[in-house]
């Protein structure tokens, strides 16, 4: 039985993050902007590791992307990165991992759009 796919963005995570920094929305927006700038490099490293069939090179960028995505509520992307991290630790990039590697860019585009939209909403606190 397949588990339901996680949401692209869990806004409650962003609300909790904002609350944890005293409601400083600008701080959260700055975190999102930094994440948006840094993620492209993680994706490139993941895609290169999958293409090269190099599980050891997959672990660090997948772990980093998983953690940073989860912190900002990009849950679908975090879950995809988690699956790739596990593949890296298992020292095997199989067909499922290749499929995740192919889909991660799409998940990124959806998460990026959702986070950019969140940063522009006046009620996003």
Protein backbone atom coordinates (compact mmCIF):
# COMPACT_ATOMS: atom_id res chain seq x y z
CA UNK A 1 0.00 0.00 0.00
CA UNK A 2 1.39 3.41 -0.96
CA UNK A 3 1.47 6.20 1.54
CA UNK A 4 -0.09 9.46 0.40
CA UNK A 5 2.35 11.89 -1.14
CA UNK A 6 3.46 14.64 1.25
CA UNK A 7 2.28 18.18 0.51
CA UNK A 8 4.45 20.43 -1.63
CA UNK A 9 4.46 22.97 1.20
CA UNK A 10 3.29 22.58 4.78
CA UNK A 11 2.60 26.20 5.77
CA UNK A 12 2.20 25.14 9.40
CA UNK A 13 5.94 24.41 9.48
CA UNK A 14 6.65 27.99 8.39
CA UNK A 15 4.22 29.31 10.99
CA UNK A 16 5.97 27.28 13.69
CA UNK A 17 9.34 28.50 12.47
CA UNK A 18 8.16 32.12 12.60
CA UNK A 19 6.79 31.58 16.11
CA UNK A 20 10.12 30.09 17.20
CA UNK A 21 11.89 33.33 16.24
CA UNK A 22 9.42 35.59 17.99
CA UNK A 23 7.19 36.15 14.97
CA UNK A 24 10.03 37.68 12.92
CA UNK A 25 8.57 37.06 9.46
CA UNK A 26 11.47 38.85 7.73
CA UNK A 27 13.89 36.39 9.30
CA UNK A 28 11.89 33.49 7.87
CA UNK A 29 11.74 35.21 4.48
CA UNK A 30 15.53 35.62 4.58
CA UNK A 31 15.92 31.91 5.38
CA UNK A 32 13.68 31.06 2.43
CA UNK A 33 15.66 33.31 0.10
CA UNK A 34 18.93 31.70 1.18
CA UNK A 35 17.42 28.24 0.71
CA UNK A 36 16.19 29.19 -2.76
CA UNK A 37 19.67 30.38 -3.70
CA UNK A 38 21.51 27.37 -2.27
CA UNK A 39 19.28 24.53 -3.40
CA UNK A 40 20.32 24.59 -7.04
CA UNK A 41 23.82 23.45 -6.05
CA UNK A 42 22.45 20.58 -3.98
CA UNK A 43 20.25 19.46 -6.87
CA UNK A 44 23.16 19.57 -9.31
CA UNK A 45 25.26 17.43 -6.96
CA UNK A 46 22.41 14.93 -6.53
CA UNK A 47 21.80 14.69 -10.26
CA UNK A 48 25.54 14.25 -10.95
CA UNK A 49 25.82 11.50 -8.31
CA UNK A 50 22.83 9.62 -9.74
CA UNK A 51 24.11 10.00 -13.32
CA UNK A 52 27.56 8.75 -12.27
CA UNK A 53 26.09 5.90 -10.22
CA UNK A 54 28.06 7.22 -7.23
CA UNK A 55 26.11 6.52 -4.03
CA UNK A 56 28.82 7.95 -1.77
CA UNK A 57 28.57 11.32 -3.56
CA UNK A 58 24.79 11.24 -3.12
CA UNK A 59 24.67 11.15 0.68
CA UNK A 60 25.75 14.68 1.65
CA UNK A 61 23.74 16.75 -0.86
CA UNK A 62 20.65 14.58 -0.34
CA UNK A 63 20.96 14.90 3.44
CA UNK A 64 21.44 18.68 3.22
CA UNK A 65 18.47 19.08 0.89
CA UNK A 66 16.30 16.82 3.06
CA UNK A 67 17.04 18.78 6.20
CA UNK A 68 16.76 22.27 4.79
CA UNK A 69 13.59 21.42 2.88
CA UNK A 70 11.91 19.93 5.96
CA UNK A 71 12.90 22.97 8.04
CA UNK A 72 11.03 25.21 5.61
CA UNK A 73 8.03 22.94 5.09
CA UNK A 74 8.91 21.70 1.59
CA UNK A 75 7.80 18.24 2.60
CA UNK A 76 7.52 16.49 -0.77
CA UNK A 77 11.03 17.59 -1.72
CA UNK A 78 12.32 16.59 1.73
CA UNK A 79 10.82 13.12 1.35
CA UNK A 80 12.33 12.65 -2.11
CA UNK A 81 15.74 13.77 -0.82
CA UNK A 82 15.37 11.39 2.16
CA UNK A 83 14.82 8.46 -0.19
CA UNK A 84 17.94 9.45 -2.14
CA UNK A 85 19.96 9.80 1.06
CA UNK A 86 18.94 6.29 2.09
CA UNK A 87 19.99 5.00 -1.33
CA UNK A 88 23.35 6.67 -0.88
CA UNK A 89 23.84 5.05 2.51
CA UNK A 90 22.85 1.67 1.08
CA UNK A 91 25.66 2.09 -1.45
CA UNK A 92 23.30 1.28 -4.31
CA UNK A 93 21.53 3.52 -6.78
CA UNK A 94 18.74 1.36 -8.17
CA UNK A 95 15.83 2.06 -10.49
CA UNK A 96 13.74 3.65 -7.70
CA UNK A 97 16.59 6.00 -6.87
CA UNK A 98 17.01 6.90 -10.53
CA UNK A 99 13.29 7.67 -10.71
CA UNK A 100 13.60 9.84 -7.58
CA UNK A 101 16.58 11.56 -9.18
CA UNK A 102 14.47 12.27 -12.26
CA UNK A 103 11.53 13.60 -10.20
CA UNK A 104 13.48 15.74 -7.73
CA UNK A 105 13.79 18.66 -10.15
CA UNK A 106 9.97 18.74 -10.58
CA UNK A 107 9.50 18.62 -6.80
CA UNK A 108 11.99 21.48 -6.50
CA UNK A 109 10.12 23.64 -9.01
CA UNK A 110 6.86 23.11 -7.11
CA UNK A 111 8.46 23.84 -3.73
CA UNK A 112 10.23 26.90 -5.09
CA UNK A 113 6.99 28.34 -6.49
CA UNK A 114 5.12 27.65 -3.24
CA UNK A 115 7.83 29.23 -1.08
CA UNK A 116 8.11 32.27 -3.34
CA UNK A 117 4.35 32.69 -3.15
CA UNK A 118 4.46 32.41 0.66
CA UNK A 119 7.08 35.15 0.89
CA UNK A 120 4.88 37.58 -1.06
CA UNK A 121 1.67 37.01 0.89
CA UNK A 122 0.88 39.68 3.43
CA UNK A 123 -0.90 37.16 5.68
CA UNK A 124 2.02 34.70 5.72
CA UNK A 125 2.94 34.95 9.34
